[in-house]
Each structure stands twice: as C-alpha cells, then as structure tokens.
Amino acid sequence: MATAYKILGQSAPDTTANANLYTVPAATEAIVSTIVICNTTGTAAAFRIFVRDAGATAAAANAVAFDAELSANSQVAFTLGLTLTATDIITVRSSVGDALTFSAFGTELT
C-alpha cells in the first residue's frame, strides 16, 4: 500500500448548509489525524462535524461535534485518528456563513 500524508480537505462554507470537507476516494482508506476549525470573524459561531459511513445522511447519530461554540477570532483542533474507508465522508456546518474554516489533515492509503 502506498502512503500519502496530506491535507485531506479544506472548506470555508459561505452558507449555513452542510458542506463536504473530505470524501475518501475509491480503492482508498484514510486516517484523519486532525481537524482544525478557525473562526475568521469577530462573531462567535457554532459548528457541526459529521462522519458519514458510506455517505449516510448527516444526523446526530454520526456527529463528532454538534453545535459546539467557537469564539470570535479563535481556533480549535481535534486530534482524532479517525479511520475511514472508500466513500466515507466528513461533512461540516457553520451557524454563520463565511465565518468558519475547516481543515482536515491525515493519511491516504492506496
């Protein structure tokens, strides 16, 4: 298996709708080591992170974070070690459009 350490995905949702941060490609496994959320505005915002097995619907049952508050101009990092298989999806959401950025870092195994 080939190993690639990389930025798996980055997103700055401009609306309050769900946005896919990372989808595991076909014939690939992934280990998500860290997800960083940064509030780039002077307004507090809440965020959600869902880990969706095979693209299941985002719901409370697959939430890693749900309406967690992030203060203005601050950041938080989650070191998780999530193990994902092909077609699994990490989806994010912000309570304020254009307020939060999400970055996922990890390893892809092909």
Protein backbone atom coordinates (compact mmCIF):
# COMPACT_ATOMS: atom_id res chain seq x y z
CA MET A 1 0.00 0.00 0.00
CA ALA A 2 1.20 3.48 -0.85
CA THR A 3 1.01 6.08 1.93
CA ALA A 4 0.42 9.79 1.33
CA TYR A 5 0.48 12.30 4.20
CA LYS A 6 -1.52 15.33 3.14
CA ILE A 7 -4.16 17.97 3.58
CA LEU A 8 -7.26 15.87 3.04
CA GLY A 9 -9.66 18.77 2.65
CA GLN A 10 -10.31 22.43 3.35
CA SER A 11 -13.63 24.25 3.34
CA ALA A 12 -14.91 27.72 4.18
CA PRO A 13 -18.70 27.31 3.89
CA ASP A 14 -20.37 30.51 2.70
CA THR A 15 -23.79 29.38 3.89
CA THR A 16 -25.20 27.60 6.94
CA ALA A 17 -25.85 24.41 4.96
CA ASN A 18 -23.84 21.19 5.25
CA ALA A 19 -20.63 21.12 3.19
CA ASN A 20 -18.49 18.09 2.45
CA LEU A 21 -14.95 18.55 3.76
CA TYR A 22 -13.49 15.25 2.56
CA THR A 23 -14.67 12.17 0.70
CA VAL A 24 -12.46 9.08 0.73
CA PRO A 25 -11.69 8.18 -2.90
CA ALA A 26 -12.42 4.74 -4.37
CA ALA A 27 -9.90 1.99 -3.53
CA THR A 28 -8.52 4.14 -0.69
CA GLU A 29 -8.50 4.12 3.09
CA ALA A 30 -7.78 7.22 5.16
CA ILE A 31 -6.68 8.13 8.64
CA VAL A 32 -7.77 11.63 9.64
CA SER A 33 -5.33 12.75 12.31
CA THR A 34 -6.54 16.29 12.95
CA ILE A 35 -9.42 18.58 12.07
CA VAL A 36 -8.86 22.29 12.71
CA ILE A 37 -11.72 24.82 12.84
CA CYS A 38 -10.85 28.51 12.68
CA ASN A 39 -13.23 31.42 13.26
CA THR A 40 -12.02 34.19 10.97
CA THR A 41 -14.58 36.77 12.10
CA GLY A 42 -15.40 38.93 15.12
CA THR A 43 -18.60 36.95 15.74
CA ALA A 44 -18.96 33.70 17.68
CA ALA A 45 -20.25 30.77 15.64
CA ALA A 46 -21.28 27.17 16.26
CA PHE A 47 -20.13 24.24 14.17
CA ARG A 48 -21.01 20.64 13.42
CA ILE A 49 -18.83 17.80 12.16
CA PHE A 50 -20.35 14.57 10.85
CA VAL A 51 -18.50 11.37 9.86
CA ARG A 52 -20.80 9.66 7.37
CA ASP A 53 -20.25 5.95 6.75
CA ALA A 54 -20.60 5.29 3.01
CA GLY A 55 -22.30 8.67 2.54
CA ALA A 56 -25.10 8.12 5.07
CA THR A 57 -27.29 11.13 5.84
CA ALA A 58 -25.75 13.65 8.25
CA ALA A 59 -27.53 13.24 11.59
CA ALA A 60 -26.96 13.43 15.33
CA ALA A 61 -26.08 9.71 15.27
CA ASN A 62 -22.90 10.33 13.23
CA ALA A 63 -21.89 13.70 14.73
CA VAL A 64 -18.39 14.18 16.11
CA ALA A 65 -19.29 17.73 17.19
CA PHE A 66 -22.78 19.20 17.31
CA ASP A 67 -23.45 22.93 17.76
CA ALA A 68 -20.12 23.43 19.52
CA GLU A 69 -19.40 27.13 20.07
CA LEU A 70 -16.24 28.77 18.76
CA SER A 71 -15.42 32.26 20.00
CA ALA A 72 -14.63 35.13 17.65
CA ASN A 73 -11.14 35.07 16.11
CA SER A 74 -10.19 31.74 17.66
CA GLN A 75 -9.46 28.17 16.62
CA VAL A 76 -9.81 24.64 17.93
CA ALA A 77 -8.09 21.43 16.86
CA PHE A 78 -9.47 17.93 17.24
CA THR A 79 -6.86 15.16 17.19
CA LEU A 80 -8.99 12.15 16.43
CA GLY A 81 -7.31 9.37 14.48
CA LEU A 82 -10.49 8.66 12.50
CA THR A 83 -10.22 5.60 10.27
CA LEU A 84 -12.27 5.78 7.09
CA THR A 85 -12.87 3.59 4.06
CA ALA A 86 -13.76 4.39 0.46
CA THR A 87 -16.89 6.57 0.08
CA ASP A 88 -16.93 7.70 3.75
CA ILE A 89 -17.50 11.46 4.01
CA ILE A 90 -16.65 14.14 6.56
CA THR A 91 -19.29 16.87 6.44
CA VAL A 92 -19.13 20.21 8.24
CA ARG A 93 -21.54 23.02 9.01
CA SER A 94 -21.30 26.52 10.45
CA SER A 95 -24.06 28.51 12.14
CA VAL A 96 -22.77 31.65 10.41
CA GLY A 97 -21.88 31.74 6.70
CA ASP A 98 -18.36 32.91 5.84
CA ALA A 99 -17.27 32.69 9.49
CA LEU A 100 -15.50 29.36 9.91
CA THR A 101 -12.85 27.46 8.01
CA PHE A 102 -12.34 23.71 8.36
CA SER A 103 -9.14 21.79 7.54
CA ALA A 104 -8.59 18.03 7.72
CA PHE A 105 -5.08 16.56 7.84
CA GLY A 106 -4.10 12.93 7.60
CA THR A 107 -3.00 9.97 5.54
CA GLU A 108 -4.39 8.21 2.48
CA LEU A 109 -3.55 4.55 1.91
CA THR A 110 -3.90 3.23 -1.63
